[in-house]
Amino acid sequence: MNIFNKNRAILISVLIAGAFFLYKVTLGKGQRNLILAHNMSTDHPVHHGIVHFAKGVEDRSNGELSVRIYPNGQLGSEKEILSLIQIGAITMTKVSTLSLESFSPYFGILNLPFLFSDKAHFLGVLDSEIGQELLSSARSQRLQGLTFYEAGARSFYAHKPIRTPEDMKGMKIRVMDNPTAIRMLELLGGKPTPMPYGEVYTALQQGVIDGAENNVTALTVNRHGEVSKFYSLDQHIFAPDTLIISQGVFDDLSEDEKTSLRIAAGESTFFQRDLWEKKVQEYETAARDKLGVEFIYPEKGPFIEKVSILHKEYMNKGKDFERIIQKIKDFPSENP
């Protein structure tokens, strides 16, 4: 372990110990401080949704519950934080379903490429009983989902235009360390290259990778549009962010406190979606006009054909997988 990683590990340990102590000493003595850690920057729309949630919790609980937010990956990566939440060392987090998949495989269903016909279909499913079933699917892993935040559609961006799957042949594309995303890239002919998100800018700049895939915030909020000038809007995955709480901590709360959390989570969801819609338009304009990114609109059919086997592979995982996937495919896609 180099000195940077050693110091980072020490800092994270100190912060976690303090956060855990803060929760324990207030448990049952008036105000409870819930520790919420995530890896987003403070100017990201999802972070603003979390801030709205925190305020709602405090207001609805009359100050008996307080949510302290640690952004920017201060307490670790998404998977590190999830492991700590399982033992109650951290209370809550926002995590992509792409990270959740390794903890609760049912969340992997939402990561299937081209599962949703459009954004309305996607949001409708999240707001339905299907979404509620998935939020509760990680209880056996000591995790309880509260709500989904919109994280947009993930598309490819690279040093050259991607208009067909053939254009991706041999390209080193950064994906999250996620089996579904890795399998998707292999089927499309690319070379999946998992790496931490914080390393992507430099990897693109230095040519370590040829491209990546993410929503449009990657181009602007994280400045990847400075070093990658072609964004191919194939919208292959609608992977939402999920607000998660430790099951053990949640079970410790009174029914009134649980209700406060659920209502605040629901209210923050619609606040965040409205903000996302406004911000995405700004991000797209900034990427085009300020960063010179060219937006490409590829025909989706060839991409869908290449990865369709993934749907069959998931349905073969078991009857519940088959049932949920079929319900999603049958779900009406009208505007919710």
C-alpha atoms as a PDB file:
ATOM      1  CA  MET A   1       0.000   0.000   0.000  1.00  0.00           C
ATOM      2  CA  ASN A   2       1.513   3.338  -1.020  1.00  0.00           C
ATOM      3  CA  ILE A   3       1.577   6.310   1.345  1.00  0.00           C
ATOM      4  CA  PHE A   4      -1.385   8.006  -0.378  1.00  0.00           C
ATOM      5  CA  ASN A   5      -3.632   4.958  -0.064  1.00  0.00           C
ATOM      6  CA  LYS A   6      -2.428   4.340   3.503  1.00  0.00           C
ATOM      7  CA  ASN A   7      -3.265   7.892   4.575  1.00  0.00           C
ATOM      8  CA  ARG A   8      -6.616   7.689   2.802  1.00  0.00           C
ATOM      9  CA  ALA A   9      -7.421   4.434   4.594  1.00  0.00           C
ATOM     10  CA  ILE A  10      -6.544   6.004   7.954  1.00  0.00           C
ATOM     11  CA  LEU A  11      -8.685   9.064   7.226  1.00  0.00           C
ATOM     12  CA  ILE A  12     -11.651   6.923   6.195  1.00  0.00           C
ATOM     13  CA  SER A  13     -11.283   4.787   9.338  1.00  0.00           C
ATOM     14  CA  VAL A  14     -11.294   7.874  11.560  1.00  0.00           C
ATOM     15  CA  LEU A  15     -14.324   9.359   9.811  1.00  0.00           C
ATOM     16  CA  ILE A  16     -16.234   6.078   9.999  1.00  0.00           C
ATOM     17  CA  ALA A  17     -15.407   5.600  13.670  1.00  0.00           C
ATOM     18  CA  GLY A  18     -16.597   9.116  14.430  1.00  0.00           C
ATOM     19  CA  ALA A  19     -19.750   8.673  12.382  1.00  0.00           C
ATOM     20  CA  PHE A  20     -20.558   5.332  14.051  1.00  0.00           C
ATOM     21  CA  PHE A  21     -19.945   6.805  17.517  1.00  0.00           C
ATOM     22  CA  LEU A  22     -22.140   9.796  16.703  1.00  0.00           C
ATOM     23  CA  TYR A  23     -24.987   7.485  15.725  1.00  0.00           C
ATOM     24  CA  LYS A  24     -24.622   5.215  18.749  1.00  0.00           C
ATOM     25  CA  VAL A  25     -24.417   7.919  21.398  1.00  0.00           C
ATOM     26  CA  THR A  26     -27.586   9.570  20.114  1.00  0.00           C
ATOM     27  CA  LEU A  27     -29.544   6.336  19.709  1.00  0.00           C
ATOM     28  CA  GLY A  28     -32.527   6.520  22.000  1.00  0.00           C
ATOM     29  CA  LYS A  29     -31.535   9.926  23.422  1.00  0.00           C
ATOM     30  CA  GLY A  30     -33.531  12.407  21.397  1.00  0.00           C
ATOM     31  CA  GLN A  31     -32.026  13.333  18.042  1.00  0.00           C
ATOM     32  CA  ARG A  32     -30.603  10.487  15.973  1.00  0.00           C
ATOM     33  CA  ASN A  33     -27.853  11.347  13.497  1.00  0.00           C
ATOM     34  CA  LEU A  34     -28.010   9.219  10.363  1.00  0.00           C
ATOM     35  CA  ILE A  35     -24.772   9.149   8.365  1.00  0.00           C
ATOM     36  CA  LEU A  36     -25.251   9.238   4.584  1.00  0.00           C
ATOM     37  CA  ALA A  37     -22.115   8.782   2.449  1.00  0.00           C
ATOM     38  CA  HIS A  38     -21.938   8.882  -1.350  1.00  0.00           C
ATOM     39  CA  ASN A  39     -19.401   9.418  -4.139  1.00  0.00           C
ATOM     40  CA  MET A  40     -21.035  12.297  -6.059  1.00  0.00           C
ATOM     41  CA  SER A  41     -19.763  15.864  -6.189  1.00  0.00           C
ATOM     42  CA  THR A  42     -21.797  18.511  -4.392  1.00  0.00           C
ATOM     43  CA  ASP A  43     -22.930  20.127  -7.667  1.00  0.00           C
ATOM     44  CA  HIS A  44     -24.455  16.891  -9.012  1.00  0.00           C
ATOM     45  CA  PRO A  45     -28.293  16.743  -9.306  1.00  0.00           C
ATOM     46  CA  VAL A  46     -28.360  13.515  -7.274  1.00  0.00           C
ATOM     47  CA  HIS A  47     -26.529  15.221  -4.406  1.00  0.00           C
ATOM     48  CA  HIS A  48     -29.136  18.007  -4.452  1.00  0.00           C
ATOM     49  CA  GLY A  49     -31.838  15.348  -4.254  1.00  0.00           C
ATOM     50  CA  ILE A  50     -30.107  13.885  -1.197  1.00  0.00           C
ATOM     51  CA  VAL A  51     -29.897  17.329   0.438  1.00  0.00           C
ATOM     52  CA  HIS A  52     -33.645  17.736  -0.177  1.00  0.00           C
ATOM     53  CA  PHE A  53     -34.203  14.316   1.419  1.00  0.00           C
ATOM     54  CA  ALA A  54     -32.120  15.255   4.478  1.00  0.00           C
ATOM     55  CA  LYS A  55     -34.093  18.452   5.015  1.00  0.00           C
ATOM     56  CA  GLY A  56     -37.361  16.578   4.603  1.00  0.00           C
ATOM     57  CA  VAL A  57     -36.361  13.985   7.191  1.00  0.00           C
ATOM     58  CA  GLU A  58     -35.483  16.634   9.757  1.00  0.00           C
ATOM     59  CA  ASP A  59     -38.653  18.642   9.097  1.00  0.00           C
ATOM     60  CA  ARG A  60     -41.008  15.653   9.159  1.00  0.00           C
ATOM     61  CA  SER A  61     -39.429  14.140  12.286  1.00  0.00           C
ATOM     62  CA  ASN A  62     -39.526  17.498  14.095  1.00  0.00           C
ATOM     63  CA  GLY A  63     -35.768  17.386  14.417  1.00  0.00           C
ATOM     64  CA  GLU A  64     -35.629  13.938  16.006  1.00  0.00           C
ATOM     65  CA  LEU A  65     -33.800  12.583  12.955  1.00  0.00           C
ATOM     66  CA  SER A  66     -30.848  14.340  11.346  1.00  0.00           C
ATOM     67  CA  VAL A  67     -29.046  13.216   8.172  1.00  0.00           C
ATOM     68  CA  ARG A  68     -25.351  14.110   7.940  1.00  0.00           C
ATOM     69  CA  ILE A  69     -24.045  13.897   4.364  1.00  0.00           C
ATOM     70  CA  TYR A  70     -20.480  12.911   3.413  1.00  0.00           C
ATOM     71  CA  PRO A  71     -20.145  13.452  -0.391  1.00  0.00           C
ATOM     72  CA  ASN A  72     -17.248  13.021  -2.842  1.00  0.00           C
ATOM     73  CA  GLY A  73     -16.352   9.495  -1.753  1.00  0.00           C
ATOM     74  CA  GLN A  74     -14.987  10.701   1.598  1.00  0.00           C
ATOM     75  CA  LEU A  75     -15.881   7.408   3.282  1.00  0.00           C
ATOM     76  CA  GLY A  76     -14.932   5.107   0.406  1.00  0.00           C
ATOM     77  CA  SER A  77     -16.160   3.734  -2.909  1.00  0.00           C
ATOM     78  CA  GLU A  78     -19.744   2.641  -3.498  1.00  0.00           C
ATOM     79  CA  LYS A  79     -18.951  -1.012  -2.793  1.00  0.00           C
ATOM     80  CA  GLU A  80     -16.881  -0.154   0.293  1.00  0.00           C
ATOM     81  CA  ILE A  81     -19.726   1.938   1.683  1.00  0.00           C
ATOM     82  CA  LEU A  82     -22.280  -0.808   1.002  1.00  0.00           C
ATOM     83  CA  SER A  83     -20.157  -3.282   2.968  1.00  0.00           C
ATOM     84  CA  LEU A  84     -20.008  -0.832   5.886  1.00  0.00           C
ATOM     85  CA  ILE A  85     -23.763  -0.252   5.725  1.00  0.00           C
ATOM     86  CA  GLN A  86     -24.370  -3.981   6.034  1.00  0.00           C
ATOM     87  CA  ILE A  87     -22.778  -3.916   9.493  1.00  0.00           C
ATOM     88  CA  GLY A  88     -24.333  -0.571  10.455  1.00  0.00           C
ATOM     89  CA  ALA A  89     -21.034   1.367  10.546  1.00  0.00           C
ATOM     90  CA  ILE A  90     -22.546   3.829   8.066  1.00  0.00           C
ATOM     91  CA  THR A  91     -26.285   4.417   7.981  1.00  0.00           C
ATOM     92  CA  MET A  92     -27.162   5.302   4.402  1.00  0.00           C
ATOM     93  CA  THR A  93     -25.863   5.807   0.897  1.00  0.00           C
ATOM     94  CA  LYS A  94     -26.780   6.583  -2.665  1.00  0.00           C
ATOM     95  CA  VAL A  95     -25.535   3.835  -4.933  1.00  0.00           C
ATOM     96  CA  SER A  96     -25.904   2.923  -8.597  1.00  0.00           C
ATOM     97  CA  THR A  97     -27.740  -0.310  -9.337  1.00  0.00           C
ATOM     98  CA  LEU A  98     -24.574  -1.248 -11.248  1.00  0.00           C
ATOM     99  CA  SER A  99     -22.798  -1.462  -7.873  1.00  0.00           C
ATOM    100  CA  LEU A 100     -25.795  -2.955  -6.060  1.00  0.00           C
ATOM    101  CA  GLU A 101     -25.915  -5.905  -8.430  1.00  0.00           C
ATOM    102  CA  SER A 102     -23.008  -7.674  -6.688  1.00  0.00           C
ATOM    103  CA  PHE A 103     -24.836  -7.380  -3.339  1.00  0.00           C
ATOM    104  CA  SER A 104     -28.348  -8.198  -4.535  1.00  0.00           C
ATOM    105  CA  PRO A 105     -28.568  -9.825  -7.984  1.00  0.00           C
ATOM    106  CA  TYR A 106     -32.169  -8.756  -8.598  1.00  0.00           C
ATOM    107  CA  PHE A 107     -30.977  -5.160  -9.010  1.00  0.00           C
ATOM    108  CA  GLY A 108     -29.012  -6.428 -12.004  1.00  0.00           C
ATOM    109  CA  ILE A 109     -32.288  -6.649 -13.894  1.00  0.00           C
ATOM    110  CA  LEU A 110     -32.369  -2.844 -14.085  1.00  0.00           C
ATOM    111  CA  ASN A 111     -28.875  -2.924 -15.611  1.00  0.00           C
ATOM    112  CA  LEU A 112     -29.890  -4.980 -18.630  1.00  0.00           C
ATOM    113  CA  PRO A 113     -29.129  -3.091 -21.868  1.00  0.00           C
ATOM    114  CA  PHE A 114     -32.136  -1.903 -23.867  1.00  0.00           C
ATOM    115  CA  LEU A 115     -34.620  -3.312 -21.355  1.00  0.00           C
ATOM    116  CA  PHE A 116     -36.660  -0.088 -21.350  1.00  0.00           C
ATOM    117  CA  SER A 117     -38.255   1.289 -24.493  1.00  0.00           C
ATOM    118  CA  ASP A 118     -37.916   4.895 -23.350  1.00  0.00           C
ATOM    119  CA  LYS A 119     -37.621   7.135 -20.301  1.00  0.00           C
ATOM    120  CA  ALA A 120     -41.369   7.058 -19.579  1.00  0.00           C
ATOM    121  CA  HIS A 121     -41.290   3.264 -19.519  1.00  0.00           C
ATOM    122  CA  PHE A 122     -38.277   3.333 -17.175  1.00  0.00           C
ATOM    123  CA  LEU A 123     -39.770   5.806 -14.682  1.00  0.00           C
ATOM    124  CA  GLY A 124     -43.139   4.064 -14.773  1.00  0.00           C
ATOM    125  CA  VAL A 125     -41.530   0.767 -13.755  1.00  0.00           C
ATOM    126  CA  LEU A 126     -39.582   2.408 -10.911  1.00  0.00           C
ATOM    127  CA  ASP A 127     -42.803   3.944  -9.549  1.00  0.00           C
ATOM    128  CA  SER A 128     -44.768   0.679  -9.789  1.00  0.00           C
ATOM    129  CA  GLU A 129     -44.963  -2.368  -7.554  1.00  0.00           C
ATOM    130  CA  ILE A 130     -42.034  -3.742  -9.554  1.00  0.00           C
ATOM    131  CA  GLY A 131     -39.844  -0.933  -8.251  1.00  0.00           C
ATOM    132  CA  GLN A 132     -41.050  -1.515  -4.703  1.00  0.00           C
ATOM    133  CA  GLU A 133     -40.283  -5.222  -4.944  1.00  0.00           C
ATOM    134  CA  LEU A 134     -36.752  -4.478  -6.120  1.00  0.00           C
ATOM    135  CA  LEU A 135     -36.179  -1.928  -3.337  1.00  0.00           C
ATOM    136  CA  SER A 136     -36.973  -4.653  -0.811  1.00  0.00           C
ATOM    137  CA  SER A 137     -34.978  -7.377  -2.571  1.00  0.00           C
ATOM    138  CA  ALA A 138     -31.751  -6.775  -0.621  1.00  0.00           C
ATOM    139  CA  ARG A 139     -33.203  -7.261   2.861  1.00  0.00           C
ATOM    140  CA  SER A 140     -31.381 -10.581   3.190  1.00  0.00           C
ATOM    141  CA  GLN A 141     -28.154  -8.609   2.660  1.00  0.00           C
ATOM    142  CA  ARG A 142     -29.010  -6.190   5.482  1.00  0.00           C
ATOM    143  CA  LEU A 143     -29.901  -3.436   3.004  1.00  0.00           C
ATOM    144  CA  GLN A 144     -33.239  -1.655   2.556  1.00  0.00           C
ATOM    145  CA  GLY A 145     -33.984   0.494  -0.469  1.00  0.00           C
ATOM    146  CA  LEU A 146     -36.000   3.685   0.080  1.00  0.00           C
ATOM    147  CA  THR A 147     -36.299   5.192  -3.387  1.00  0.00           C
ATOM    148  CA  PHE A 148     -34.744   5.509  -6.833  1.00  0.00           C
ATOM    149  CA  TYR A 149     -33.111   8.673  -8.168  1.00  0.00           C
ATOM    150  CA  GLU A 150     -32.858   9.301 -11.868  1.00  0.00           C
ATOM    151  CA  ALA A 151     -29.345   8.936 -13.262  1.00  0.00           C
ATOM    152  CA  GLY A 152     -30.202   9.306 -16.935  1.00  0.00           C
ATOM    153  CA  ALA A 153     -29.443   6.936 -19.773  1.00  0.00           C
ATOM    154  CA  ARG A 154     -25.893   5.668 -20.184  1.00  0.00           C
ATOM    155  CA  SER A 155     -24.306   6.084 -23.624  1.00  0.00           C
ATOM    156  CA  PHE A 156     -20.833   5.694 -25.115  1.00  0.00           C
ATOM    157  CA  TYR A 157     -18.308   8.493 -25.487  1.00  0.00           C
ATOM    158  CA  ALA A 158     -14.933   8.097 -27.146  1.00  0.00           C
ATOM    159  CA  HIS A 159     -12.088   9.591 -29.148  1.00  0.00           C
ATOM    160  CA  LYS A 160     -13.850   8.576 -32.374  1.00  0.00           C
ATOM    161  CA  PRO A 161     -17.508   8.341 -33.451  1.00  0.00           C
ATOM    162  CA  ILE A 162     -19.418   5.171 -32.535  1.00  0.00           C
ATOM    163  CA  ARG A 163     -22.273   4.685 -34.980  1.00  0.00           C
ATOM    164  CA  THR A 164     -22.445   0.879 -35.162  1.00  0.00           C
ATOM    165  CA  PRO A 165     -21.203  -2.027 -33.022  1.00  0.00           C
ATOM    166  CA  GLU A 166     -18.511  -2.593 -35.656  1.00  0.00           C
ATOM    167  CA  ASP A 167     -17.010   0.774 -34.716  1.00  0.00           C
ATOM    168  CA  MET A 168     -16.371  -0.604 -31.210  1.00  0.00           C
ATOM    169  CA  LYS A 169     -14.348  -3.616 -32.297  1.00  0.00           C
ATOM    170  CA  GLY A 170     -11.195  -3.782 -30.192  1.00  0.00           C
ATOM    171  CA  MET A 171     -11.861  -0.470 -28.429  1.00  0.00           C
ATOM    172  CA  LYS A 172     -10.890  -0.303 -24.756  1.00  0.00           C
ATOM    173  CA  ILE A 173     -14.026   1.061 -23.071  1.00  0.00           C
ATOM    174  CA  ARG A 174     -14.205   1.833 -19.383  1.00  0.00           C
ATOM    175  CA  VAL A 175     -17.156   0.215 -17.663  1.00  0.00           C
ATOM    176  CA  MET A 176     -18.021  -0.197 -14.021  1.00  0.00           C
ATOM    177  CA  ASP A 177     -16.756  -3.383 -12.383  1.00  0.00           C
ATOM    178  CA  ASN A 178     -20.072  -5.050 -13.037  1.00  0.00           C
ATOM    179  CA  PRO A 179     -20.694  -8.420 -14.728  1.00  0.00           C
ATOM    180  CA  THR A 180     -23.649  -7.192 -16.788  1.00  0.00           C
ATOM    181  CA  ALA A 181     -21.780  -4.160 -18.146  1.00  0.00           C
ATOM    182  CA  ILE A 182     -18.684  -6.250 -18.879  1.00  0.00           C
ATOM    183  CA  ARG A 183     -20.741  -8.890 -20.709  1.00  0.00           C
ATOM    184  CA  MET A 184     -22.509  -6.168 -22.726  1.00  0.00           C
ATOM    185  CA  LEU A 185     -19.183  -4.726 -23.909  1.00  0.00           C
ATOM    186  CA  GLU A 186     -17.908  -8.154 -24.909  1.00  0.00           C
ATOM    187  CA  LEU A 187     -21.042  -8.810 -26.950  1.00  0.00           C
ATOM    188  CA  LEU A 188     -20.608  -5.462 -28.710  1.00  0.00           C
ATOM    189  CA  GLY A 189     -17.039  -6.330 -29.679  1.00  0.00           C
ATOM    190  CA  GLY A 190     -15.254  -3.916 -27.352  1.00  0.00           C
ATOM    191  CA  LYS A 191     -12.664  -4.611 -24.674  1.00  0.00           C
ATOM    192  CA  PRO A 192     -14.280  -3.889 -21.285  1.00  0.00           C
ATOM    193  CA  THR A 193     -11.873  -2.051 -19.000  1.00  0.00           C
ATOM    194  CA  PRO A 194     -13.159  -1.665 -15.429  1.00  0.00           C
ATOM    195  CA  MET A 195     -11.546   1.119 -13.416  1.00  0.00           C
ATOM    196  CA  PRO A 196     -12.548   3.561 -10.653  1.00  0.00           C
ATOM    197  CA  TYR A 197     -14.533   6.510 -11.962  1.00  0.00           C
ATOM    198  CA  GLY A 198     -12.012   9.002 -10.605  1.00  0.00           C
ATOM    199  CA  GLU A 199      -9.338   7.592 -12.929  1.00  0.00           C
ATOM    200  CA  VAL A 200     -11.328   7.885 -16.165  1.00  0.00           C
ATOM    201  CA  TYR A 201     -10.378  11.473 -17.082  1.00  0.00           C
ATOM    202  CA  THR A 202      -6.640  10.773 -16.952  1.00  0.00           C
ATOM    203  CA  ALA A 203      -7.051   7.398 -18.679  1.00  0.00           C
ATOM    204  CA  LEU A 204      -8.879   9.089 -21.568  1.00  0.00           C
ATOM    205  CA  GLN A 205      -6.348  11.901 -21.684  1.00  0.00           C
ATOM    206  CA  GLN A 206      -3.374   9.527 -21.805  1.00  0.00           C
ATOM    207  CA  GLY A 207      -4.951   7.026 -24.199  1.00  0.00           C
ATOM    208  CA  VAL A 208      -5.049   4.211 -21.660  1.00  0.00           C
ATOM    209  CA  ILE A 209      -8.671   3.743 -22.721  1.00  0.00           C
ATOM    210  CA  ASP A 210     -10.415   4.694 -25.965  1.00  0.00           C
ATOM    211  CA  GLY A 211     -13.722   5.626 -24.418  1.00  0.00           C
ATOM    212  CA  ALA A 212     -16.216   5.101 -21.625  1.00  0.00           C
ATOM    213  CA  GLU A 213     -19.958   4.945 -21.027  1.00  0.00           C
ATOM    214  CA  ASN A 214     -22.081   7.044 -18.727  1.00  0.00           C
ATOM    215  CA  ASN A 215     -24.798   9.678 -18.682  1.00  0.00           C
ATOM    216  CA  VAL A 216     -24.206  13.194 -19.953  1.00  0.00           C
ATOM    217  CA  THR A 217     -23.052  14.514 -16.555  1.00  0.00           C
ATOM    218  CA  ALA A 218     -19.752  12.719 -17.171  1.00  0.00           C
ATOM    219  CA  LEU A 219     -19.014  15.164 -19.987  1.00  0.00           C
ATOM    220  CA  THR A 220     -19.596  18.312 -17.940  1.00  0.00           C
ATOM    221  CA  VAL A 221     -19.719  17.775 -14.170  1.00  0.00           C
ATOM    222  CA  ASN A 222     -16.726  15.430 -14.403  1.00  0.00           C
ATOM    223  CA  ARG A 223     -15.184  17.230 -17.434  1.00  0.00           C
ATOM    224  CA  HIS A 224     -14.686  14.116 -19.586  1.00  0.00           C
ATOM    225  CA  GLY A 225     -15.890  16.171 -22.551  1.00  0.00           C
ATOM    226  CA  GLU A 226     -12.572  18.004 -22.410  1.00  0.00           C
ATOM    227  CA  VAL A 227     -10.738  14.862 -23.530  1.00  0.00           C
ATOM    228  CA  SER A 228     -13.430  12.840 -25.320  1.00  0.00           C
ATOM    229  CA  LYS A 229     -15.201  14.605 -28.177  1.00  0.00           C
ATOM    230  CA  PHE A 230     -17.809  12.127 -29.478  1.00  0.00           C
ATOM    231  CA  TYR A 231     -20.931  11.163 -27.505  1.00  0.00           C
ATOM    232  CA  SER A 232     -23.033   8.405 -29.097  1.00  0.00           C
ATOM    233  CA  LEU A 233     -26.553   8.535 -27.666  1.00  0.00           C
ATOM    234  CA  ASP A 234     -27.469   4.870 -27.927  1.00  0.00           C
ATOM    235  CA  GLN A 235     -28.924   4.991 -24.384  1.00  0.00           C
ATOM    236  CA  HIS A 236     -28.071   1.359 -23.728  1.00  0.00           C
ATOM    237  CA  ILE A 237     -28.735   1.305 -19.970  1.00  0.00           C
ATOM    238  CA  PHE A 238     -31.119   3.221 -17.690  1.00  0.00           C
ATOM    239  CA  ALA A 239     -29.419   2.422 -14.362  1.00  0.00           C
ATOM    240  CA  PRO A 240     -30.948   4.464 -11.531  1.00  0.00           C
ATOM    241  CA  ASP A 241     -29.264   5.553  -8.336  1.00  0.00           C
ATOM    242  CA  THR A 242     -30.794   3.973  -5.250  1.00  0.00           C
ATOM    243  CA  LEU A 243     -31.149   5.460  -1.771  1.00  0.00           C
ATOM    244  CA  ILE A 244     -30.189   2.665   0.647  1.00  0.00           C
ATOM    245  CA  ILE A 245     -30.354   2.406   4.438  1.00  0.00           C
ATOM    246  CA  SER A 246     -28.859  -0.223   6.742  1.00  0.00           C
ATOM    247  CA  GLN A 247     -31.589  -2.750   7.538  1.00  0.00           C
ATOM    248  CA  GLY A 248     -30.419  -2.943  11.153  1.00  0.00           C
ATOM    249  CA  VAL A 249     -30.613   0.832  11.605  1.00  0.00           C
ATOM    250  CA  PHE A 250     -33.981   0.969   9.847  1.00  0.00           C
ATOM    251  CA  ASP A 251     -35.385  -1.727  12.149  1.00  0.00           C
ATOM    252  CA  ASP A 252     -34.245   0.336  15.182  1.00  0.00           C
ATOM    253  CA  LEU A 253     -36.427   3.281  14.126  1.00  0.00           C
ATOM    254  CA  SER A 254     -39.947   3.819  15.381  1.00  0.00           C
ATOM    255  CA  GLU A 255     -42.848   3.508  12.938  1.00  0.00           C
ATOM    256  CA  ASP A 256     -43.199   7.296  12.888  1.00  0.00           C
ATOM    257  CA  GLU A 257     -39.503   7.672  12.086  1.00  0.00           C
ATOM    258  CA  LYS A 258     -39.733   5.088   9.311  1.00  0.00           C
ATOM    259  CA  THR A 259     -42.706   6.972   7.878  1.00  0.00           C
ATOM    260  CA  SER A 260     -40.731  10.232   7.982  1.00  0.00           C
ATOM    261  CA  LEU A 261     -37.907   8.623   6.022  1.00  0.00           C
ATOM    262  CA  ARG A 262     -40.224   7.086   3.418  1.00  0.00           C
ATOM    263  CA  ILE A 263     -42.193  10.293   2.820  1.00  0.00           C
ATOM    264  CA  ALA A 264     -39.041  12.428   2.643  1.00  0.00           C
ATOM    265  CA  ALA A 265     -37.502   9.923   0.218  1.00  0.00           C
ATOM    266  CA  GLY A 266     -40.567  10.049  -2.041  1.00  0.00           C
ATOM    267  CA  GLU A 267     -40.662  13.841  -2.031  1.00  0.00           C
ATOM    268  CA  SER A 268     -36.943  14.066  -2.819  1.00  0.00           C
ATOM    269  CA  THR A 269     -37.409  11.683  -5.753  1.00  0.00           C
ATOM    270  CA  PHE A 270     -39.710  14.040  -7.644  1.00  0.00           C
ATOM    271  CA  PHE A 271     -37.632  17.075  -6.682  1.00  0.00           C
ATOM    272  CA  GLN A 272     -34.531  15.347  -8.049  1.00  0.00           C
ATOM    273  CA  ARG A 273     -36.257  14.270 -11.275  1.00  0.00           C
ATOM    274  CA  ASP A 274     -37.394  17.813 -12.011  1.00  0.00           C
ATOM    275  CA  LEU A 275     -33.907  19.132 -11.313  1.00  0.00           C
ATOM    276  CA  TRP A 276     -32.337  16.396 -13.454  1.00  0.00           C
ATOM    277  CA  GLU A 277     -34.552  17.300 -16.419  1.00  0.00           C
ATOM    278  CA  LYS A 278     -33.509  20.952 -16.229  1.00  0.00           C
ATOM    279  CA  LYS A 279     -29.828  20.229 -15.659  1.00  0.00           C
ATOM    280  CA  VAL A 280     -29.508  17.641 -18.431  1.00  0.00           C
ATOM    281  CA  GLN A 281     -30.536  20.241 -21.012  1.00  0.00           C
ATOM    282  CA  GLU A 282     -27.903  22.609 -19.613  1.00  0.00           C
ATOM    283  CA  TYR A 283     -25.251  19.880 -19.644  1.00  0.00           C
ATOM    284  CA  GLU A 284     -25.953  18.915 -23.244  1.00  0.00           C
ATOM    285  CA  THR A 285     -25.764  22.540 -24.363  1.00  0.00           C
ATOM    286  CA  ALA A 286     -22.532  23.111 -22.451  1.00  0.00           C
ATOM    287  CA  ALA A 287     -20.975  19.919 -23.848  1.00  0.00           C
ATOM    288  CA  ARG A 288     -21.755  21.016 -27.410  1.00  0.00           C
ATOM    289  CA  ASP A 289     -21.087  24.740 -27.207  1.00  0.00           C
ATOM    290  CA  LYS A 290     -18.322  25.002 -24.613  1.00  0.00           C
ATOM    291  CA  LEU A 291     -16.485  21.699 -24.938  1.00  0.00           C
ATOM    292  CA  GLY A 292     -17.047  21.007 -28.633  1.00  0.00           C
ATOM    293  CA  VAL A 293     -18.497  17.519 -28.106  1.00  0.00           C
ATOM    294  CA  GLU A 294     -20.263  16.082 -31.155  1.00  0.00           C
ATOM    295  CA  PHE A 295     -23.510  14.263 -30.335  1.00  0.00           C
ATOM    296  CA  ILE A 296     -24.174  11.216 -32.497  1.00  0.00           C
ATOM    297  CA  TYR A 297     -27.545   9.439 -32.767  1.00  0.00           C
ATOM    298  CA  PRO A 298     -26.829   5.861 -33.861  1.00  0.00           C
ATOM    299  CA  GLU A 299     -29.439   3.399 -35.056  1.00  0.00           C
ATOM    300  CA  LYS A 300     -30.165   1.270 -31.970  1.00  0.00           C
ATOM    301  CA  GLY A 301     -31.301  -1.869 -33.794  1.00  0.00           C
ATOM    302  CA  PRO A 302     -27.826  -3.359 -34.425  1.00  0.00           C
ATOM    303  CA  PHE A 303     -26.810  -2.719 -30.798  1.00  0.00           C
ATOM    304  CA  ILE A 304     -30.002  -4.324 -29.483  1.00  0.00           C
ATOM    305  CA  GLU A 305     -29.471  -7.384 -31.666  1.00  0.00           C
ATOM    306  CA  LYS A 306     -25.918  -7.889 -30.391  1.00  0.00           C
ATOM    307  CA  VAL A 307     -26.861  -7.869 -26.687  1.00  0.00           C
ATOM    308  CA  SER A 308     -30.309  -9.528 -26.815  1.00  0.00           C
ATOM    309  CA  ILE A 309     -28.873 -12.801 -25.538  1.00  0.00           C
ATOM    310  CA  LEU A 310     -28.217 -11.080 -22.184  1.00  0.00           C
ATOM    311  CA  HIS A 311     -31.964 -10.896 -21.555  1.00  0.00           C
ATOM    312  CA  LYS A 312     -32.276 -14.644 -22.123  1.00  0.00           C
ATOM    313  CA  GLU A 313     -29.319 -15.344 -19.857  1.00  0.00           C
ATOM    314  CA  TYR A 314     -30.936 -13.331 -17.063  1.00  0.00           C
ATOM    315  CA  MET A 315     -34.307 -14.999 -17.466  1.00  0.00           C
ATOM    316  CA  ASN A 316     -32.559 -18.356 -17.110  1.00  0.00           C
ATOM    317  CA  LYS A 317     -31.317 -17.357 -13.643  1.00  0.00           C
ATOM    318  CA  GLY A 318     -34.623 -18.410 -12.107  1.00  0.00           C
ATOM    319  CA  LYS A 319     -38.392 -18.011 -12.102  1.00  0.00           C
ATOM    320  CA  ASP A 320     -38.346 -14.708 -10.195  1.00  0.00           C
ATOM    321  CA  PHE A 321     -35.879 -13.206 -12.668  1.00  0.00           C
ATOM    322  CA  GLU A 322     -38.044 -14.358 -15.568  1.00  0.00           C
ATOM    323  CA  ARG A 323     -41.205 -13.045 -13.898  1.00  0.00           C
ATOM    324  CA  ILE A 324     -39.805  -9.581 -13.131  1.00  0.00           C
ATOM    325  CA  ILE A 325     -38.192  -9.123 -16.542  1.00  0.00           C
ATOM    326  CA  GLN A 326     -41.387 -10.140 -18.317  1.00  0.00           C
ATOM    327  CA  LYS A 327     -43.437  -7.769 -16.145  1.00  0.00           C
ATOM    328  CA  ILE A 328     -41.080  -4.940 -17.098  1.00  0.00           C
ATOM    329  CA  LYS A 329     -41.329  -5.775 -20.794  1.00  0.00           C
ATOM    330  CA  ASP A 330     -45.127  -5.907 -20.565  1.00  0.00           C
ATOM    331  CA  PHE A 331     -45.363  -2.674 -18.568  1.00  0.00           C
ATOM    332  CA  PRO A 332     -47.071   0.131 -20.543  1.00  0.00           C
ATOM    333  CA  SER A 333     -44.637   2.809 -21.714  1.00  0.00           C
ATOM    334  CA  GLU A 334     -47.053   5.753 -21.753  1.00  0.00           C
ATOM    335  CA  ASN A 335     -45.933   8.868 -19.900  1.00  0.00           C
ATOM    336  CA  PRO A 336     -46.534   8.323 -16.161  1.00  0.00           C
END
